[in-house]
Amino acid sequence: MANLFLPNTIRVPEVPYLTQPIENEELLLTCQLTQFDREGYELLPIEQLYYEANGVTLHTEKVLAHESGNADEWKAFVQKWFEPTAYSNPLWFKLDHSFCVVRYAFSGPARTQIHKFVEKRPELIKLLNIRPKWGADFCVDYVTPEECFELVHWEWDFLNINEFSEHIQKMEKVVEKTRWADIVNAVTIFRRNYTVLDSETEGNFKANLFGLPKAIRLYKTFA
């Protein structure tokens, strides 16, 4: 079978630190610090300002709640990883999402600027405790006119750029060689035999088919 998904070239910073301060530092006294993403890569508005001040381009993902008609969005440093090819269009293997992400930490003048306000607003320590990390996400569904189920979904975090790069190279080779019909058969049998398993157990089984020991491996944002 021809390749259903092909990877883009991923270019991420090896040393992801924000060093430049923001222009209006008084915002640190009033900015939102709740709903801080403690495991993922979604950025608070104040973080977005620092990324902008440091020339880091962010990706905006819009999420529309059709029931209410309201739109929300999140911003993060995102690069698209795999993309569907022309061979995947007539088939029933649908790429739900695939991207690589980076969370920057603070250093230099930017860190000094934030630290200046910690005594007045201690929760700013959240920002100073961010550690740099990299992540890779890949999710494929099987869709027919009669059914839809997840074939695989993995999310892996890394605290080391070399380990991240090795993971990217390894999984690109795995996806290239994957016999997707075999994955469908394996997952179908699994779902037929185990109908009341928790999502972690099911996700790990699917990830094992791709050579991963588990589906989800996340690291806390705080150091």
N, C-alpha and C. Protein backbone atom coordinates (compact mmCIF):
# COMPACT_ATOMS: atom_id res chain seq x y z
N MET A 1 0.85 -1.21 0.00
CA MET A 1 0.00 0.00 0.00
C MET A 1 0.88 1.25 0.00
N ALA A 2 0.51 2.21 -0.82
CA ALA A 2 1.27 3.47 -0.86
C ALA A 2 1.15 4.20 0.47
N ASN A 3 2.09 5.10 0.69
CA ASN A 3 2.08 5.86 1.94
C ASN A 3 0.81 6.69 2.07
N LEU A 4 0.12 6.52 3.18
CA LEU A 4 -1.09 7.30 3.42
C LEU A 4 -0.78 8.63 4.06
N PHE A 5 0.35 8.68 4.80
CA PHE A 5 0.71 9.91 5.52
C PHE A 5 2.21 10.15 5.34
N LEU A 6 2.55 11.38 5.03
CA LEU A 6 3.95 11.75 4.86
C LEU A 6 4.32 12.86 5.83
N PRO A 7 5.54 12.81 6.39
CA PRO A 7 5.95 13.82 7.37
C PRO A 7 6.48 15.08 6.73
N ASN A 8 6.22 16.19 7.37
CA ASN A 8 6.90 17.44 7.03
C ASN A 8 8.25 17.47 7.73
N THR A 9 9.12 18.34 7.26
CA THR A 9 10.39 18.56 7.96
C THR A 9 10.12 19.39 9.21
N ILE A 10 10.50 18.86 10.35
CA ILE A 10 10.25 19.53 11.62
C ILE A 10 11.47 20.35 12.03
N ARG A 11 11.24 21.63 12.28
CA ARG A 11 12.30 22.52 12.73
C ARG A 11 11.88 23.14 14.06
N VAL A 12 12.52 22.72 15.12
CA VAL A 12 12.20 23.23 16.45
C VAL A 12 13.48 23.77 17.09
N PRO A 13 13.34 24.71 18.01
CA PRO A 13 14.54 25.25 18.67
C PRO A 13 15.18 24.22 19.58
N GLU A 14 16.49 24.16 19.55
CA GLU A 14 17.22 23.25 20.43
C GLU A 14 17.30 23.80 21.85
N VAL A 15 17.26 25.11 21.98
CA VAL A 15 17.32 25.76 23.30
C VAL A 15 16.14 26.72 23.40
N PRO A 16 14.97 26.24 23.75
CA PRO A 16 13.77 27.08 23.74
C PRO A 16 13.63 27.94 25.01
N TYR A 17 14.21 29.11 24.95
CA TYR A 17 14.12 30.05 26.06
C TYR A 17 13.68 31.42 25.54
N LEU A 18 12.83 32.07 26.32
CA LEU A 18 12.40 33.44 26.03
C LEU A 18 13.26 34.37 26.85
N THR A 19 14.01 35.23 26.19
CA THR A 19 14.96 36.10 26.89
C THR A 19 14.57 37.57 26.87
N GLN A 20 13.77 37.99 25.88
CA GLN A 20 13.43 39.40 25.75
C GLN A 20 12.20 39.75 26.60
N PRO A 21 12.24 40.85 27.35
CA PRO A 21 11.09 41.25 28.16
C PRO A 21 9.98 41.85 27.30
N ILE A 22 8.79 41.97 27.89
CA ILE A 22 7.68 42.62 27.19
C ILE A 22 7.73 44.12 27.46
N GLU A 23 7.09 44.90 26.62
CA GLU A 23 7.16 46.36 26.73
C GLU A 23 6.40 46.87 27.95
N ASN A 24 5.19 46.38 28.17
CA ASN A 24 4.37 46.85 29.29
C ASN A 24 4.45 45.85 30.43
N GLU A 25 5.45 45.99 31.26
CA GLU A 25 5.65 45.02 32.33
C GLU A 25 4.60 45.09 33.42
N GLU A 26 3.85 46.21 33.50
CA GLU A 26 2.80 46.33 34.51
C GLU A 26 1.69 45.30 34.31
N LEU A 27 1.61 44.73 33.12
CA LEU A 27 0.62 43.70 32.86
C LEU A 27 0.83 42.48 33.75
N LEU A 28 2.03 42.31 34.24
CA LEU A 28 2.32 41.17 35.10
C LEU A 28 1.55 41.23 36.42
N LEU A 29 1.07 42.41 36.79
CA LEU A 29 0.32 42.55 38.04
C LEU A 29 -1.15 42.17 37.87
N THR A 30 -1.64 42.14 36.64
CA THR A 30 -3.08 41.90 36.43
C THR A 30 -3.36 40.77 35.45
N CYS A 31 -2.36 40.22 34.81
CA CYS A 31 -2.60 39.23 33.76
C CYS A 31 -3.21 37.95 34.32
N GLN A 32 -3.89 37.22 33.44
CA GLN A 32 -4.47 35.94 33.82
C GLN A 32 -3.38 34.93 34.11
N LEU A 33 -3.50 34.26 35.28
CA LEU A 33 -2.57 33.19 35.62
C LEU A 33 -3.31 31.90 35.97
N THR A 34 -4.66 31.96 35.98
CA THR A 34 -5.45 30.75 36.18
C THR A 34 -5.56 29.99 34.86
N GLN A 35 -6.03 28.76 34.93
CA GLN A 35 -6.14 27.89 33.75
C GLN A 35 -4.80 27.69 33.06
N PHE A 36 -3.74 27.74 33.85
CA PHE A 36 -2.39 27.51 33.34
C PHE A 36 -2.27 26.06 32.87
N ASP A 37 -1.78 25.85 31.68
CA ASP A 37 -1.65 24.51 31.11
C ASP A 37 -0.48 23.80 31.77
N ARG A 38 -0.78 22.87 32.66
CA ARG A 38 0.24 22.26 33.50
C ARG A 38 0.94 21.07 32.87
N GLU A 39 0.38 20.55 31.77
CA GLU A 39 1.00 19.42 31.09
C GLU A 39 1.18 19.66 29.60
N GLY A 40 0.36 20.54 29.03
CA GLY A 40 0.37 20.73 27.59
C GLY A 40 1.14 21.95 27.14
N TYR A 41 0.68 22.53 26.04
CA TYR A 41 1.43 23.57 25.36
C TYR A 41 0.59 24.82 25.06
N GLU A 42 -0.65 24.82 25.54
CA GLU A 42 -1.51 25.99 25.33
C GLU A 42 -1.01 27.13 26.20
N LEU A 43 -0.95 28.34 25.63
CA LEU A 43 -0.31 29.46 26.30
C LEU A 43 -1.31 30.47 26.83
N LEU A 44 -1.06 30.96 28.03
CA LEU A 44 -1.83 32.07 28.57
C LEU A 44 -1.54 33.35 27.77
N PRO A 45 -2.44 34.32 27.81
CA PRO A 45 -2.19 35.57 27.08
C PRO A 45 -0.85 36.23 27.43
N ILE A 46 -0.45 36.18 28.70
CA ILE A 46 0.81 36.82 29.07
C ILE A 46 1.99 36.06 28.46
N GLU A 47 1.88 34.74 28.39
CA GLU A 47 2.93 33.96 27.73
C GLU A 47 3.00 34.30 26.25
N GLN A 48 1.84 34.47 25.63
CA GLN A 48 1.79 34.81 24.21
C GLN A 48 2.53 36.12 23.93
N LEU A 49 2.39 37.08 24.86
CA LEU A 49 3.07 38.36 24.68
C LEU A 49 4.59 38.18 24.70
N TYR A 50 5.06 37.31 25.57
CA TYR A 50 6.51 37.06 25.63
C TYR A 50 7.00 36.35 24.37
N TYR A 51 6.21 35.40 23.89
CA TYR A 51 6.59 34.73 22.64
C TYR A 51 6.67 35.75 21.50
N GLU A 52 5.68 36.65 21.46
CA GLU A 52 5.67 37.69 20.42
C GLU A 52 6.89 38.59 20.54
N ALA A 53 7.21 38.99 21.78
CA ALA A 53 8.36 39.87 22.00
C ALA A 53 9.67 39.21 21.59
N ASN A 54 9.68 37.87 21.57
CA ASN A 54 10.88 37.13 21.22
C ASN A 54 10.85 36.62 19.78
N GLY A 55 9.86 37.10 19.00
CA GLY A 55 9.80 36.75 17.59
C GLY A 55 9.41 35.32 17.30
N VAL A 56 8.70 34.68 18.24
CA VAL A 56 8.29 33.28 18.06
C VAL A 56 6.86 33.27 17.50
N THR A 57 6.70 32.68 16.33
CA THR A 57 5.39 32.61 15.69
C THR A 57 4.56 31.50 16.31
N LEU A 58 3.31 31.83 16.66
CA LEU A 58 2.41 30.87 17.29
C LEU A 58 1.35 30.40 16.31
N HIS A 59 0.84 29.21 16.57
CA HIS A 59 -0.25 28.65 15.79
C HIS A 59 -1.55 28.87 16.55
N THR A 60 -2.58 29.32 15.84
CA THR A 60 -3.89 29.52 16.45
C THR A 60 -4.84 28.44 15.96
N GLU A 61 -5.43 27.72 16.90
CA GLU A 61 -6.38 26.66 16.57
C GLU A 61 -7.76 27.09 17.06
N LYS A 62 -8.69 27.23 16.14
CA LYS A 62 -10.04 27.63 16.51
C LYS A 62 -10.89 26.40 16.78
N VAL A 63 -11.64 26.45 17.88
CA VAL A 63 -12.53 25.37 18.25
C VAL A 63 -13.94 25.94 18.32
N LEU A 64 -14.83 25.45 17.48
CA LEU A 64 -16.19 25.97 17.41
C LEU A 64 -17.14 25.04 18.12
N ALA A 65 -17.85 25.57 19.10
CA ALA A 65 -18.89 24.80 19.78
C ALA A 65 -20.19 25.02 19.03
N HIS A 66 -20.57 24.06 18.19
CA HIS A 66 -21.71 24.24 17.30
C HIS A 66 -23.02 24.38 18.09
N GLU A 67 -23.08 23.74 19.26
CA GLU A 67 -24.32 23.81 20.02
C GLU A 67 -24.65 25.24 20.45
N SER A 68 -23.63 25.98 20.79
CA SER A 68 -23.85 27.34 21.29
C SER A 68 -23.52 28.40 20.26
N GLY A 69 -22.77 28.00 19.24
CA GLY A 69 -22.37 28.98 18.24
C GLY A 69 -21.19 29.82 18.66
N ASN A 70 -20.58 29.48 19.80
CA ASN A 70 -19.45 30.26 20.30
C ASN A 70 -18.14 29.64 19.84
N ALA A 71 -17.20 30.49 19.55
CA ALA A 71 -15.89 30.01 19.10
C ALA A 71 -14.86 30.30 20.17
N ASP A 72 -13.95 29.38 20.35
CA ASP A 72 -12.83 29.57 21.27
C ASP A 72 -11.57 29.23 20.49
N GLU A 73 -10.45 29.55 21.05
CA GLU A 73 -9.20 29.24 20.37
C GLU A 73 -8.08 29.09 21.36
N TRP A 74 -7.07 28.34 20.96
CA TRP A 74 -5.88 28.24 21.78
C TRP A 74 -4.66 28.51 20.91
N LYS A 75 -3.60 28.97 21.57
CA LYS A 75 -2.39 29.31 20.86
C LYS A 75 -1.20 28.58 21.46
N ALA A 76 -0.32 28.13 20.58
CA ALA A 76 0.87 27.41 21.01
C ALA A 76 1.89 27.43 19.88
N PHE A 77 3.12 27.04 20.20
CA PHE A 77 4.13 26.85 19.17
C PHE A 77 3.90 25.46 18.58
N VAL A 78 3.39 25.43 17.35
CA VAL A 78 2.99 24.17 16.72
C VAL A 78 3.56 24.08 15.32
N GLN A 79 4.03 22.89 14.96
CA GLN A 79 4.40 22.59 13.58
C GLN A 79 3.68 21.32 13.15
N LYS A 80 3.04 21.38 11.97
CA LYS A 80 2.37 20.19 11.46
C LYS A 80 3.41 19.12 11.18
N TRP A 81 3.09 17.91 11.62
CA TRP A 81 4.02 16.80 11.44
C TRP A 81 3.62 15.98 10.21
N PHE A 82 2.73 15.01 10.38
CA PHE A 82 2.29 14.23 9.23
C PHE A 82 1.13 14.93 8.51
N GLU A 83 1.06 14.67 7.21
CA GLU A 83 -0.05 15.17 6.39
C GLU A 83 -0.61 13.99 5.59
N PRO A 84 -1.93 13.98 5.33
CA PRO A 84 -2.49 12.92 4.48
C PRO A 84 -2.03 13.10 3.04
N THR A 85 -1.83 11.99 2.35
CA THR A 85 -1.46 12.04 0.94
C THR A 85 -2.69 11.77 0.08
N ALA A 86 -2.52 11.88 -1.21
CA ALA A 86 -3.63 11.63 -2.13
C ALA A 86 -4.13 10.19 -1.99
N TYR A 87 -3.26 9.30 -1.54
CA TYR A 87 -3.65 7.89 -1.42
C TYR A 87 -4.61 7.67 -0.25
N SER A 88 -4.63 8.58 0.71
CA SER A 88 -5.50 8.38 1.87
C SER A 88 -6.92 8.88 1.61
N ASN A 89 -7.11 9.72 0.60
CA ASN A 89 -8.43 10.31 0.36
C ASN A 89 -9.52 9.30 0.02
N PRO A 90 -9.28 8.35 -0.92
CA PRO A 90 -10.35 7.42 -1.25
C PRO A 90 -10.49 6.30 -0.23
N LEU A 91 -9.56 6.21 0.72
CA LEU A 91 -9.61 5.17 1.73
C LEU A 91 -10.23 5.69 3.01
N TRP A 92 -10.36 4.84 3.97
CA TRP A 92 -11.06 5.20 5.19
C TRP A 92 -10.12 5.38 6.37
N PHE A 93 -8.91 5.83 6.08
CA PHE A 93 -7.95 6.13 7.13
C PHE A 93 -7.81 7.65 7.20
N LYS A 94 -8.32 8.24 8.25
CA LYS A 94 -8.39 9.69 8.34
C LYS A 94 -7.47 10.22 9.44
N LEU A 95 -6.60 11.12 9.05
CA LEU A 95 -5.71 11.76 10.01
C LEU A 95 -6.49 12.82 10.77
N ASP A 96 -6.69 12.60 12.07
CA ASP A 96 -7.40 13.59 12.87
C ASP A 96 -6.50 14.78 13.18
N HIS A 97 -5.27 14.49 13.62
CA HIS A 97 -4.30 15.56 13.84
C HIS A 97 -2.91 14.95 14.00
N SER A 98 -1.91 15.76 13.70
CA SER A 98 -0.54 15.35 13.90
C SER A 98 0.34 16.59 13.91
N PHE A 99 1.02 16.81 15.01
CA PHE A 99 1.87 17.99 15.11
C PHE A 99 2.95 17.81 16.16
N CYS A 100 3.95 18.67 16.08
CA CYS A 100 4.99 18.76 17.10
C CYS A 100 4.87 20.12 17.79
N VAL A 101 5.14 20.14 19.06
CA VAL A 101 4.95 21.35 19.86
C VAL A 101 6.16 21.59 20.75
N VAL A 102 6.31 22.85 21.16
CA VAL A 102 7.43 23.23 22.03
C VAL A 102 6.91 24.19 23.10
N ARG A 103 7.34 24.00 24.32
CA ARG A 103 7.05 24.94 25.41
C ARG A 103 8.36 25.62 25.79
N TYR A 104 8.38 26.92 25.69
CA TYR A 104 9.57 27.70 26.03
C TYR A 104 9.59 28.03 27.52
N ALA A 105 10.79 28.14 28.07
CA ALA A 105 10.99 28.62 29.43
C ALA A 105 11.54 30.05 29.38
N PHE A 106 11.70 30.66 30.55
CA PHE A 106 12.17 32.06 30.63
C PHE A 106 13.60 32.11 31.16
N SER A 107 14.38 33.01 30.58
CA SER A 107 15.74 33.25 31.07
C SER A 107 16.14 34.69 30.76
N GLY A 108 17.29 35.10 31.26
CA GLY A 108 17.82 36.43 30.96
C GLY A 108 16.92 37.56 31.41
N PRO A 109 16.88 38.67 30.65
CA PRO A 109 16.09 39.84 31.02
C PRO A 109 14.60 39.53 31.18
N ALA A 110 14.05 38.62 30.42
CA ALA A 110 12.64 38.28 30.55
C ALA A 110 12.37 37.67 31.93
N ARG A 111 13.23 36.78 32.35
CA ARG A 111 13.08 36.17 33.67
C ARG A 111 13.25 37.21 34.77
N THR A 112 14.22 38.09 34.61
CA THR A 112 14.44 39.15 35.60
C THR A 112 13.22 40.05 35.71
N GLN A 113 12.60 40.36 34.57
CA GLN A 113 11.41 41.21 34.56
C GLN A 113 10.27 40.58 35.35
N ILE A 114 10.02 39.30 35.13
CA ILE A 114 8.94 38.61 35.84
C ILE A 114 9.25 38.53 37.32
N HIS A 115 10.50 38.20 37.64
CA HIS A 115 10.89 38.02 39.04
C HIS A 115 10.71 39.31 39.84
N LYS A 116 10.82 40.44 39.19
CA LYS A 116 10.70 41.73 39.86
C LYS A 116 9.33 41.90 40.51
N PHE A 117 8.31 41.20 39.98
CA PHE A 117 6.95 41.37 40.47
C PHE A 117 6.47 40.21 41.35
N VAL A 118 7.33 39.26 41.60
CA VAL A 118 6.93 38.07 42.35
C VAL A 118 6.53 38.41 43.78
N GLU A 119 7.22 39.36 44.39
CA GLU A 119 6.89 39.70 45.78
C GLU A 119 5.47 40.24 45.89
N LYS A 120 5.04 41.03 44.90
CA LYS A 120 3.68 41.56 44.91
C LYS A 120 2.65 40.53 44.45
N ARG A 121 3.10 39.61 43.58
CA ARG A 121 2.19 38.61 43.03
C ARG A 121 2.91 37.26 42.94
N PRO A 122 2.90 36.52 44.04
CA PRO A 122 3.68 35.29 44.12
C PRO A 122 3.36 34.24 43.05
N GLU A 123 2.12 34.22 42.56
CA GLU A 123 1.75 33.18 41.58
C GLU A 123 2.49 33.33 40.25
N LEU A 124 3.21 34.44 40.07
CA LEU A 124 4.05 34.58 38.88
C LEU A 124 5.17 33.54 38.84
N ILE A 125 5.42 32.90 39.99
CA ILE A 125 6.41 31.84 40.05
C ILE A 125 6.05 30.73 39.06
N LYS A 126 4.77 30.60 38.75
CA LYS A 126 4.35 29.61 37.75
C LYS A 126 5.16 29.78 36.47
N LEU A 127 5.28 31.02 36.02
CA LEU A 127 5.99 31.29 34.77
C LEU A 127 7.47 30.98 34.90
N LEU A 128 8.05 31.32 36.05
CA LEU A 128 9.48 31.12 36.24
C LEU A 128 9.84 29.64 36.40
N ASN A 129 8.85 28.82 36.77
CA ASN A 129 9.11 27.39 36.96
C ASN A 129 8.85 26.56 35.70
N ILE A 130 8.45 27.21 34.61
CA ILE A 130 8.26 26.48 33.35
C ILE A 130 9.61 25.92 32.90
N ARG A 131 9.60 24.69 32.46
CA ARG A 131 10.82 24.10 31.91
C ARG A 131 10.60 23.82 30.42
N PRO A 132 11.64 23.95 29.62
CA PRO A 132 11.48 23.70 28.19
C PRO A 132 11.18 22.23 27.93
N LYS A 133 10.26 22.00 27.00
CA LYS A 133 9.98 20.62 26.61
C LYS A 133 9.43 20.59 25.19
N TRP A 134 9.52 19.40 24.59
CA TRP A 134 9.09 19.17 23.22
C TRP A 134 8.05 18.05 23.23
N GLY A 135 7.12 18.10 22.28
CA GLY A 135 6.10 17.07 22.22
C GLY A 135 5.76 16.66 20.80
N ALA A 136 5.30 15.41 20.64
CA ALA A 136 4.87 14.89 19.34
C ALA A 136 3.51 14.21 19.51
N ASP A 137 2.59 14.48 18.58
CA ASP A 137 1.21 14.00 18.68
C ASP A 137 0.79 13.45 17.32
N PHE A 138 0.13 12.28 17.35
CA PHE A 138 -0.29 11.63 16.11
C PHE A 138 -1.57 10.86 16.38
N CYS A 139 -2.60 11.10 15.55
CA CYS A 139 -3.90 10.47 15.78
C CYS A 139 -4.57 10.15 14.45
N VAL A 140 -4.94 8.88 14.26
CA VAL A 140 -5.60 8.43 13.04
C VAL A 140 -6.87 7.68 13.39
N ASP A 141 -7.96 7.97 12.67
CA ASP A 141 -9.24 7.28 12.84
C ASP A 141 -9.52 6.39 11.63
N TYR A 142 -10.35 5.38 11.87
CA TYR A 142 -10.86 4.56 10.78
C TYR A 142 -12.33 4.90 10.61
N VAL A 143 -12.71 5.35 9.43
CA VAL A 143 -14.06 5.86 9.20
C VAL A 143 -14.68 5.16 8.00
N THR A 144 -15.88 4.62 8.20
CA THR A 144 -16.67 4.06 7.10
C THR A 144 -18.08 4.63 7.22
N PRO A 145 -18.93 4.38 6.25
CA PRO A 145 -20.32 4.85 6.38
C PRO A 145 -21.06 4.22 7.55
N GLU A 146 -20.52 3.13 8.10
CA GLU A 146 -21.20 2.45 9.20
C GLU A 146 -20.58 2.70 10.57
N GLU A 147 -19.30 3.05 10.62
CA GLU A 147 -18.66 3.16 11.93
C GLU A 147 -17.45 4.09 11.87
N CYS A 148 -17.00 4.46 13.05
CA CYS A 148 -15.79 5.26 13.19
C CYS A 148 -15.14 4.90 14.51
N PHE A 149 -13.87 4.57 14.46
CA PHE A 149 -13.15 4.33 15.70
C PHE A 149 -11.69 4.74 15.54
N GLU A 150 -11.05 4.99 16.68
CA GLU A 150 -9.66 5.42 16.69
C GLU A 150 -8.73 4.23 16.43
N LEU A 151 -7.82 4.42 15.48
CA LEU A 151 -6.82 3.39 15.22
C LEU A 151 -5.61 3.54 16.12
N VAL A 152 -5.17 4.77 16.30
CA VAL A 152 -4.03 5.01 17.17
C VAL A 152 -4.01 6.48 17.55
N HIS A 153 -3.53 6.75 18.73
CA HIS A 153 -3.32 8.13 19.17
C HIS A 153 -2.22 8.11 20.23
N TRP A 154 -1.09 8.72 19.88
CA TRP A 154 -0.05 8.82 20.89
C TRP A 154 0.35 10.27 21.09
N GLU A 155 0.71 10.60 22.33
CA GLU A 155 1.24 11.91 22.71
C GLU A 155 2.46 11.66 23.59
N TRP A 156 3.60 12.09 23.10
CA TRP A 156 4.83 11.87 23.87
C TRP A 156 5.55 13.20 24.09
N ASP A 157 5.94 13.43 25.34
CA ASP A 157 6.73 14.59 25.73
C ASP A 157 8.20 14.22 25.88
N PHE A 158 9.04 15.23 25.71
CA PHE A 158 10.48 15.03 25.86
C PHE A 158 11.10 16.25 26.55
N LEU A 159 12.05 15.98 27.42
CA LEU A 159 12.79 17.04 28.10
C LEU A 159 14.19 17.20 27.52
N ASN A 160 14.47 16.42 26.48
CA ASN A 160 15.78 16.43 25.84
C ASN A 160 15.58 16.48 24.33
N ILE A 161 16.21 17.43 23.66
CA ILE A 161 16.01 17.61 22.23
C ILE A 161 16.50 16.41 21.43
N ASN A 162 17.55 15.74 21.89
CA ASN A 162 18.06 14.58 21.16
C ASN A 162 17.07 13.43 21.22
N GLU A 163 16.46 13.21 22.37
CA GLU A 163 15.46 12.15 22.50
C GLU A 163 14.24 12.47 21.65
N PHE A 164 13.86 13.73 21.60
CA PHE A 164 12.75 14.15 20.76
C PHE A 164 13.06 13.85 19.29
N SER A 165 14.24 14.24 18.84
CA SER A 165 14.63 14.03 17.44
C SER A 165 14.67 12.55 17.09
N GLU A 166 15.17 11.73 18.01
CA GLU A 166 15.22 10.29 17.78
C GLU A 166 13.81 9.71 17.66
N HIS A 167 12.91 10.19 18.49
CA HIS A 167 11.51 9.73 18.43
C HIS A 167 10.88 10.08 17.09
N ILE A 168 11.11 11.30 16.63
CA ILE A 168 10.54 11.75 15.36
C ILE A 168 11.04 10.86 14.22
N GLN A 169 12.34 10.64 14.17
CA GLN A 169 12.92 9.82 13.10
C GLN A 169 12.40 8.39 13.16
N LYS A 170 12.33 7.84 14.36
CA LYS A 170 11.87 6.46 14.53
C LYS A 170 10.42 6.30 14.08
N MET A 171 9.54 7.21 14.54
CA MET A 171 8.12 7.05 14.26
C MET A 171 7.79 7.37 12.79
N GLU A 172 8.58 8.20 12.17
CA GLU A 172 8.38 8.44 10.73
C GLU A 172 8.63 7.16 9.94
N LYS A 173 9.65 6.40 10.33
CA LYS A 173 9.92 5.13 9.66
C LYS A 173 8.83 4.11 9.96
N VAL A 174 8.33 4.12 11.19
CA VAL A 174 7.27 3.19 11.57
C VAL A 174 6.00 3.45 10.77
N VAL A 175 5.60 4.71 10.69
CA VAL A 175 4.38 5.06 9.95
C VAL A 175 4.53 4.72 8.47
N GLU A 176 5.72 4.96 7.93
CA GLU A 176 5.95 4.66 6.52
C GLU A 176 5.75 3.18 6.22
N LYS A 177 6.16 2.31 7.14
CA LYS A 177 6.11 0.87 6.92
C LYS A 177 4.82 0.22 7.43
N THR A 178 3.95 0.99 8.04
CA THR A 178 2.74 0.43 8.65
C THR A 178 1.81 -0.17 7.60
N ARG A 179 1.35 -1.37 7.87
CA ARG A 179 0.32 -2.02 7.06
C ARG A 179 -1.02 -1.70 7.72
N TRP A 180 -1.69 -0.69 7.22
CA TRP A 180 -2.85 -0.14 7.92
C TRP A 180 -4.01 -1.13 7.99
N ALA A 181 -4.15 -1.98 7.00
CA ALA A 181 -5.21 -2.99 7.05
C ALA A 181 -4.99 -3.94 8.23
N ASP A 182 -3.72 -4.26 8.52
CA ASP A 182 -3.41 -5.12 9.66
C ASP A 182 -3.76 -4.43 10.97
N ILE A 183 -3.53 -3.11 11.03
CA ILE A 183 -3.88 -2.36 12.24
C ILE A 183 -5.39 -2.39 12.46
N VAL A 184 -6.15 -2.20 11.38
CA VAL A 184 -7.61 -2.25 11.48
C VAL A 184 -8.07 -3.60 12.01
N ASN A 185 -7.50 -4.67 11.49
CA ASN A 185 -7.89 -6.00 11.94
C ASN A 185 -7.58 -6.21 13.41
N ALA A 186 -6.39 -5.80 13.82
CA ALA A 186 -5.97 -5.99 15.21
C ALA A 186 -6.86 -5.19 16.17
N VAL A 187 -7.13 -3.95 15.82
CA VAL A 187 -7.96 -3.10 16.68
C VAL A 187 -9.40 -3.59 16.70
N THR A 188 -9.90 -4.06 15.57
CA THR A 188 -11.27 -4.58 15.49
C THR A 188 -11.43 -5.79 16.40
N ILE A 189 -10.48 -6.71 16.35
CA ILE A 189 -10.54 -7.90 17.21
C ILE A 189 -10.45 -7.50 18.67
N PHE A 190 -9.56 -6.56 18.96
CA PHE A 190 -9.40 -6.09 20.35
C PHE A 190 -10.70 -5.48 20.87
N ARG A 191 -11.32 -4.63 20.07
CA ARG A 191 -12.57 -3.98 20.49
C ARG A 191 -13.70 -4.98 20.63
N ARG A 192 -13.68 -6.03 19.84
CA ARG A 192 -14.72 -7.04 19.92
C ARG A 192 -14.58 -7.87 21.20
N ASN A 193 -13.33 -8.14 21.59
CA ASN A 193 -13.08 -8.99 22.75
C ASN A 193 -13.11 -8.24 24.08
N TYR A 194 -12.78 -6.92 24.01
CA TYR A 194 -12.74 -6.13 25.23
C TYR A 194 -13.60 -4.89 25.04
N THR A 195 -14.82 -4.96 25.50
CA THR A 195 -15.77 -3.87 25.24
C THR A 195 -15.86 -2.87 26.38
N VAL A 196 -15.29 -3.19 27.54
CA VAL A 196 -15.43 -2.29 28.69
C VAL A 196 -14.08 -1.99 29.32
N LEU A 197 -13.11 -1.65 28.49
CA LEU A 197 -11.79 -1.29 28.99
C LEU A 197 -11.66 0.22 29.11
N ASP A 198 -10.85 0.67 30.07
CA ASP A 198 -10.61 2.11 30.18
C ASP A 198 -9.77 2.58 29.00
N SER A 199 -9.81 3.88 28.74
CA SER A 199 -9.16 4.43 27.55
C SER A 199 -7.64 4.28 27.60
N GLU A 200 -7.06 4.28 28.80
CA GLU A 200 -5.61 4.14 28.90
C GLU A 200 -5.17 2.75 28.43
N THR A 201 -5.88 1.71 28.88
CA THR A 201 -5.54 0.35 28.47
C THR A 201 -5.71 0.18 26.97
N GLU A 202 -6.82 0.69 26.43
CA GLU A 202 -7.07 0.58 25.00
C GLU A 202 -6.02 1.37 24.20
N GLY A 203 -5.73 2.59 24.66
CA GLY A 203 -4.75 3.41 23.97
C GLY A 203 -3.37 2.78 23.96
N ASN A 204 -2.99 2.15 25.08
CA ASN A 204 -1.69 1.50 25.16
C ASN A 204 -1.60 0.31 24.20
N PHE A 205 -2.70 -0.46 24.10
CA PHE A 205 -2.70 -1.58 23.16
C PHE A 205 -2.43 -1.08 21.73
N LYS A 206 -3.11 -0.02 21.33
CA LYS A 206 -2.95 0.52 19.98
C LYS A 206 -1.52 1.05 19.78
N ALA A 207 -1.00 1.73 20.79
CA ALA A 207 0.36 2.26 20.68
C ALA A 207 1.37 1.13 20.56
N ASN A 208 1.12 0.01 21.24
CA ASN A 208 2.02 -1.15 21.16
C ASN A 208 2.14 -1.65 19.73
N LEU A 209 1.07 -1.53 18.95
CA LEU A 209 1.10 -1.97 17.55
C LEU A 209 2.09 -1.16 16.73
N PHE A 210 2.44 0.04 17.23
CA PHE A 210 3.38 0.92 16.54
C PHE A 210 4.75 0.94 17.24
N GLY A 211 4.94 0.00 18.17
CA GLY A 211 6.24 -0.12 18.81
C GLY A 211 6.45 0.78 20.01
N LEU A 212 5.39 1.43 20.49
CA LEU A 212 5.51 2.29 21.66
C LEU A 212 5.01 1.55 22.90
N PRO A 213 5.67 1.71 24.04
CA PRO A 213 5.24 1.02 25.26
C PRO A 213 3.94 1.56 25.84
N LYS A 214 3.61 2.79 25.52
CA LYS A 214 2.38 3.40 26.02
C LYS A 214 1.95 4.51 25.07
N ALA A 215 0.68 4.89 25.16
CA ALA A 215 0.14 5.90 24.25
C ALA A 215 0.46 7.31 24.69
N ILE A 216 0.38 7.56 25.98
CA ILE A 216 0.54 8.91 26.51
C ILE A 216 1.71 8.96 27.48
N ARG A 217 2.67 9.84 27.21
CA ARG A 217 3.75 10.09 28.14
C ARG A 217 3.96 11.59 28.21
N LEU A 218 3.45 12.18 29.29
CA LEU A 218 3.50 13.62 29.45
C LEU A 218 4.36 13.99 30.64
N TYR A 219 5.01 15.14 30.56
CA TYR A 219 5.75 15.69 31.68
C TYR A 219 5.08 16.98 32.13
N LYS A 220 5.05 17.20 33.43
CA LYS A 220 4.50 18.43 33.96
C LYS A 220 5.29 19.64 33.45
N THR A 221 4.57 20.73 33.24
CA THR A 221 5.21 21.95 32.76
C THR A 221 6.16 22.53 33.80
N PHE A 222 5.80 22.37 35.08
CA PHE A 222 6.65 22.92 36.14
C PHE A 222 7.92 22.09 36.29
N ALA A 223 9.02 22.78 36.53
CA ALA A 223 10.27 22.09 36.81
C ALA A 223 10.25 21.51 38.21
